[in-house]
């Protein structure tokens, strides 16, 4: 089907990738090749690809180590009929990501702080799903197949931003809780809460209150720390302006 005019599938797909904290992981049973599905927690890499922290004792991990072809179903957990909400099915390969362990661990624990209790267990490892494609369903007339380059954030030229990300997240959470709350409530229409930054990338900021996650898209791409700071100040000013207009 062709997308309807007000439907931007790439934007919705990226938002689902960034906001999802759980998903249904499908793997192939070692030996038989039979399908196997399990519920997993996930976070996102700076490029948007899903991060998993899974135990080698689990059946799905044994399956991945035998054949790393996987699919992952994510949905927006909308109230009411779940089939009326947006969902995306990723296909790809789950790659053991030992070389990026520090980055993946930081981003995963930002999304799932309780994983601190077992992240150091010897049988647990980080895997990253590298998508080969995706199938997005967002309602009647809104069914689209997407390529990896339409799903993922291009990190080329953003090395300075990635290097600054950890400090930026810590700074926002330590010193700018008010701004985080304004982003959530005034720019994204969410309820007030303990909104915290979980990550940033060239295209936006990820934030979370408990297990509810939001994505704040930037109006322009940013690629270094100073540009990120200017963007966050600009968005905070926009949010405060909405407060001022409401009180006039």
Protein backbone atom coordinates (compact mmCIF):
# COMPACT_ATOMS: atom_id res chain seq x y z
CA UNK A 1 0.00 0.00 0.00
CA UNK A 2 1.06 3.57 -0.57
CA UNK A 3 1.44 5.77 2.52
CA UNK A 4 -1.22 8.42 3.09
CA UNK A 5 -0.07 12.06 2.71
CA UNK A 6 0.14 12.84 6.46
CA UNK A 7 2.05 9.64 7.24
CA UNK A 8 5.87 9.80 7.46
CA UNK A 9 6.89 6.15 7.85
CA UNK A 10 10.61 6.78 8.43
CA UNK A 11 9.88 9.14 11.32
CA UNK A 12 7.42 6.75 12.96
CA UNK A 13 9.76 3.78 12.53
CA UNK A 14 12.65 5.65 14.12
CA UNK A 15 10.43 6.76 16.99
CA UNK A 16 9.32 3.17 17.67
CA UNK A 17 12.93 2.01 17.70
CA UNK A 18 13.92 4.71 20.19
CA UNK A 19 10.88 4.44 22.47
CA UNK A 20 10.51 0.66 22.73
CA UNK A 21 11.73 -0.98 25.92
CA UNK A 22 10.39 -4.49 25.29
CA UNK A 23 9.83 -6.58 22.20
CA UNK A 24 9.10 -10.08 20.91
CA UNK A 25 12.31 -11.69 19.65
CA UNK A 26 12.02 -14.52 17.12
CA UNK A 27 14.96 -16.88 16.65
CA UNK A 28 15.53 -20.27 14.99
CA UNK A 29 15.87 -23.30 17.25
CA UNK A 30 19.38 -24.72 17.18
CA UNK A 31 19.35 -28.06 15.41
CA UNK A 32 15.76 -28.14 14.15
CA UNK A 33 15.38 -24.59 12.78
CA UNK A 34 11.88 -24.38 14.27
CA UNK A 35 10.68 -20.85 15.12
CA UNK A 36 11.02 -19.72 18.72
CA UNK A 37 9.73 -16.47 20.21
CA UNK A 38 10.55 -14.79 23.51
CA UNK A 39 10.00 -11.49 25.30
CA UNK A 40 13.12 -9.35 25.72
CA UNK A 41 14.07 -5.96 27.14
CA UNK A 42 15.94 -3.62 24.83
CA UNK A 43 17.57 -0.24 24.49
CA UNK A 44 18.89 1.57 21.43
CA UNK A 45 22.34 2.20 20.00
CA UNK A 46 23.08 5.81 18.97
CA UNK A 47 22.14 4.80 15.42
CA UNK A 48 18.81 3.39 16.64
CA UNK A 49 19.56 -0.31 16.25
CA UNK A 50 18.25 -2.44 19.16
CA UNK A 51 20.54 -3.49 22.02
CA UNK A 52 19.86 -6.73 23.92
CA UNK A 53 21.39 -7.97 27.19
CA UNK A 54 20.77 -11.71 27.24
CA UNK A 55 22.04 -14.75 29.08
CA UNK A 56 23.87 -17.58 27.35
CA UNK A 57 21.72 -19.92 29.42
CA UNK A 58 18.58 -18.71 27.62
CA UNK A 59 17.19 -20.64 24.66
CA UNK A 60 17.09 -17.54 22.44
CA UNK A 61 20.79 -16.88 23.04
CA UNK A 62 21.72 -20.46 22.22
CA UNK A 63 19.68 -20.10 19.03
CA UNK A 64 21.46 -16.87 18.08
CA UNK A 65 24.88 -18.43 18.63
CA UNK A 66 23.86 -21.22 16.25
CA UNK A 67 22.16 -19.00 13.63
CA UNK A 68 22.05 -15.26 14.25
CA UNK A 69 19.14 -14.50 11.93
CA UNK A 70 16.36 -12.92 14.00
CA UNK A 71 13.24 -10.83 13.80
CA UNK A 72 12.00 -8.40 16.43
CA UNK A 73 8.44 -7.12 16.83
CA UNK A 74 7.95 -3.75 18.53
CA UNK A 75 4.68 -1.94 19.18
CA UNK A 76 3.74 1.39 20.72
CA UNK A 77 1.64 -0.18 23.51
CA UNK A 78 -1.28 2.11 22.75
CA UNK A 79 -4.39 1.81 24.96
CA UNK A 80 -7.38 -0.04 23.57
CA UNK A 81 -7.11 -2.53 20.72
CA UNK A 82 -3.35 -3.22 20.28
CA UNK A 83 -3.93 -3.96 16.59
CA UNK A 84 -4.94 -0.33 16.08
CA UNK A 85 -1.55 0.91 17.27
CA UNK A 86 1.64 1.20 15.27
CA UNK A 87 4.08 -1.71 15.22
CA UNK A 88 7.21 -2.62 13.37
CA UNK A 89 8.84 -5.95 12.56
CA UNK A 90 12.60 -5.82 12.10
CA UNK A 91 14.50 -8.57 10.35
CA UNK A 92 18.26 -8.85 10.60
CA UNK A 93 21.12 -10.45 12.48
CA UNK A 94 21.97 -10.34 16.18
CA UNK A 95 25.69 -9.65 16.53
CA UNK A 96 27.71 -10.14 19.69
CA UNK A 97 28.89 -6.60 20.42
CA UNK A 98 31.85 -7.06 22.75
CA UNK A 99 33.82 -4.30 21.00
CA UNK A 100 31.22 -1.69 21.98
CA UNK A 101 30.49 -3.06 25.45
CA UNK A 102 31.06 0.20 27.38
CA UNK A 103 28.75 2.19 25.08
CA UNK A 104 26.06 -0.48 24.98
CA UNK A 105 26.16 -1.05 28.73
CA UNK A 106 25.80 2.66 29.46
CA UNK A 107 22.84 3.11 27.14
CA UNK A 108 21.18 -0.12 28.26
CA UNK A 109 21.47 0.74 31.95
CA UNK A 110 20.10 4.23 31.26
CA UNK A 111 16.99 2.52 29.87
CA UNK A 112 16.90 -0.37 32.38
CA UNK A 113 18.55 0.68 35.66
CA UNK A 114 17.48 -2.57 37.37
CA UNK A 115 19.79 -4.50 35.03
CA UNK A 116 22.68 -3.21 37.14
CA UNK A 117 22.00 -6.21 39.40
CA UNK A 118 23.04 -8.75 36.74
CA UNK A 119 24.89 -6.91 33.98
CA UNK A 120 28.24 -8.16 35.33
CA UNK A 121 27.20 -11.83 35.45
CA UNK A 122 29.54 -13.93 33.29
CA UNK A 123 26.73 -15.56 31.32
CA UNK A 124 25.22 -12.23 30.20
CA UNK A 125 26.37 -10.54 27.00
CA UNK A 126 25.33 -7.62 24.85
CA UNK A 127 24.01 -8.23 21.35
CA UNK A 128 23.05 -5.64 18.77
CA UNK A 129 20.46 -6.34 16.09
CA UNK A 130 21.66 -5.09 12.70
CA UNK A 131 18.49 -4.68 10.62
CA UNK A 132 18.28 -5.87 7.02
CA UNK A 133 14.78 -4.47 6.62
CA UNK A 134 11.52 -3.74 8.38
CA UNK A 135 7.76 -3.98 7.93
CA UNK A 136 5.81 -1.09 9.48
CA UNK A 137 2.07 -1.27 10.15
CA UNK A 138 0.35 1.87 11.43
CA UNK A 139 -3.29 1.38 10.41
CA UNK A 140 -5.31 1.12 7.21
CA UNK A 141 -3.36 2.42 4.25
CA UNK A 142 -0.26 2.76 6.41
CA UNK A 143 1.73 -0.39 5.71
CA UNK A 144 5.25 0.13 4.45
CA UNK A 145 8.44 -1.88 3.96
CA UNK A 146 11.57 0.03 4.93
CA UNK A 147 15.27 -0.34 4.22
CA UNK A 148 17.94 -0.07 6.94
CA UNK A 149 19.01 3.39 5.80
CA UNK A 150 15.42 4.59 6.34
CA UNK A 151 15.39 3.25 9.91
CA UNK A 152 18.79 4.09 11.29
CA UNK A 153 20.45 7.37 12.15
CA UNK A 154 23.52 8.25 10.11
CA UNK A 155 26.41 8.75 12.55
CA UNK A 156 28.93 9.90 9.93
CA UNK A 157 30.64 13.09 11.03
CA UNK A 158 29.11 12.92 14.52
CA UNK A 159 32.14 11.51 16.34
CA UNK A 160 32.45 14.62 18.53
CA UNK A 161 28.82 14.35 19.59
CA UNK A 162 29.15 10.66 20.44
CA UNK A 163 32.23 11.41 22.52
CA UNK A 164 30.31 14.12 24.40
CA UNK A 165 27.11 12.13 24.86
CA UNK A 166 27.88 10.51 28.22
CA UNK A 167 28.78 13.83 29.84
CA UNK A 168 25.80 15.57 28.24
CA UNK A 169 23.36 12.97 29.60
CA UNK A 170 24.85 13.21 33.09
CA UNK A 171 24.75 17.02 32.97
CA UNK A 172 21.12 17.15 31.83
CA UNK A 173 20.03 14.78 34.59
CA UNK A 174 22.08 16.46 37.32
CA UNK A 175 21.46 20.11 36.49
CA UNK A 176 18.55 20.48 34.07
CA UNK A 177 15.67 18.43 35.42
CA UNK A 178 13.34 21.39 34.84
CA UNK A 179 14.24 21.50 31.14
CA UNK A 180 13.69 17.75 30.81
CA UNK A 181 10.24 18.17 32.33
CA UNK A 182 9.44 21.04 29.97
CA UNK A 183 10.52 19.04 26.93
CA UNK A 184 8.22 16.20 27.97
CA UNK A 185 5.17 18.21 28.99
CA UNK A 186 5.25 21.28 26.74
CA UNK A 187 6.88 19.95 23.56
CA UNK A 188 5.69 16.34 23.62
CA UNK A 189 2.42 16.62 25.53
CA UNK A 190 3.31 14.06 28.20
CA UNK A 191 2.27 14.08 31.84
CA UNK A 192 4.59 15.57 34.44
CA UNK A 193 7.01 13.15 36.04
CA UNK A 194 10.63 12.39 36.83
CA UNK A 195 11.80 12.69 33.24
CA UNK A 196 15.45 11.81 32.71
CA UNK A 197 17.69 11.82 29.66
CA UNK A 198 18.78 8.36 28.52
CA UNK A 199 20.71 9.27 25.38
CA UNK A 200 21.22 11.66 22.52
CA UNK A 201 22.30 11.40 18.90
CA UNK A 202 22.44 13.66 15.83
CA UNK A 203 18.68 13.52 15.33
CA UNK A 204 17.23 13.80 18.80
CA UNK A 205 17.08 13.23 22.54
CA UNK A 206 15.71 10.18 24.34
CA UNK A 207 14.03 10.58 27.73
CA UNK A 208 12.29 8.30 30.16
CA UNK A 209 10.02 8.33 33.21
CA UNK A 210 9.91 4.84 34.71
CA UNK A 211 9.32 2.57 31.72
CA UNK A 212 7.61 5.29 29.65
CA UNK A 213 10.00 6.56 26.99
CA UNK A 214 9.74 9.60 24.72
CA UNK A 215 11.66 10.82 21.70
CA UNK A 216 12.36 14.52 21.18
CA UNK A 217 13.35 15.08 17.55
CA UNK A 218 15.72 17.92 16.75
CA UNK A 219 14.62 20.33 14.00
CA UNK A 220 18.15 20.14 12.58
CA UNK A 221 20.93 17.59 12.78
CA UNK A 222 23.65 18.21 15.41
CA UNK A 223 27.11 16.68 15.30
CA UNK A 224 29.12 18.02 18.24
CA UNK A 225 28.83 19.08 21.86
CA UNK A 226 28.48 22.85 21.35
CA UNK A 227 25.77 22.34 18.72
CA UNK A 228 23.95 19.98 21.09
CA UNK A 229 24.05 22.54 23.89
CA UNK A 230 22.66 25.27 21.62
CA UNK A 231 19.89 22.97 20.44
CA UNK A 232 18.86 22.00 23.97
CA UNK A 233 18.81 25.65 25.08
CA UNK A 234 16.73 26.54 22.02
CA UNK A 235 14.21 23.79 22.74
CA UNK A 236 14.01 24.74 26.40
CA UNK A 237 13.28 28.33 25.38
CA UNK A 238 10.53 27.11 23.05
CA UNK A 239 9.01 25.06 25.87
CA UNK A 240 9.14 28.01 28.31
CA UNK A 241 7.50 30.23 25.69
CA UNK A 242 4.57 27.82 25.63
CA UNK A 243 4.28 28.18 29.40
CA UNK A 244 4.37 31.98 29.14
CA UNK A 245 1.67 32.04 26.45
CA UNK A 246 -0.59 29.85 28.57
CA UNK A 247 -0.26 32.14 31.60
CA UNK A 248 -0.84 35.41 29.68
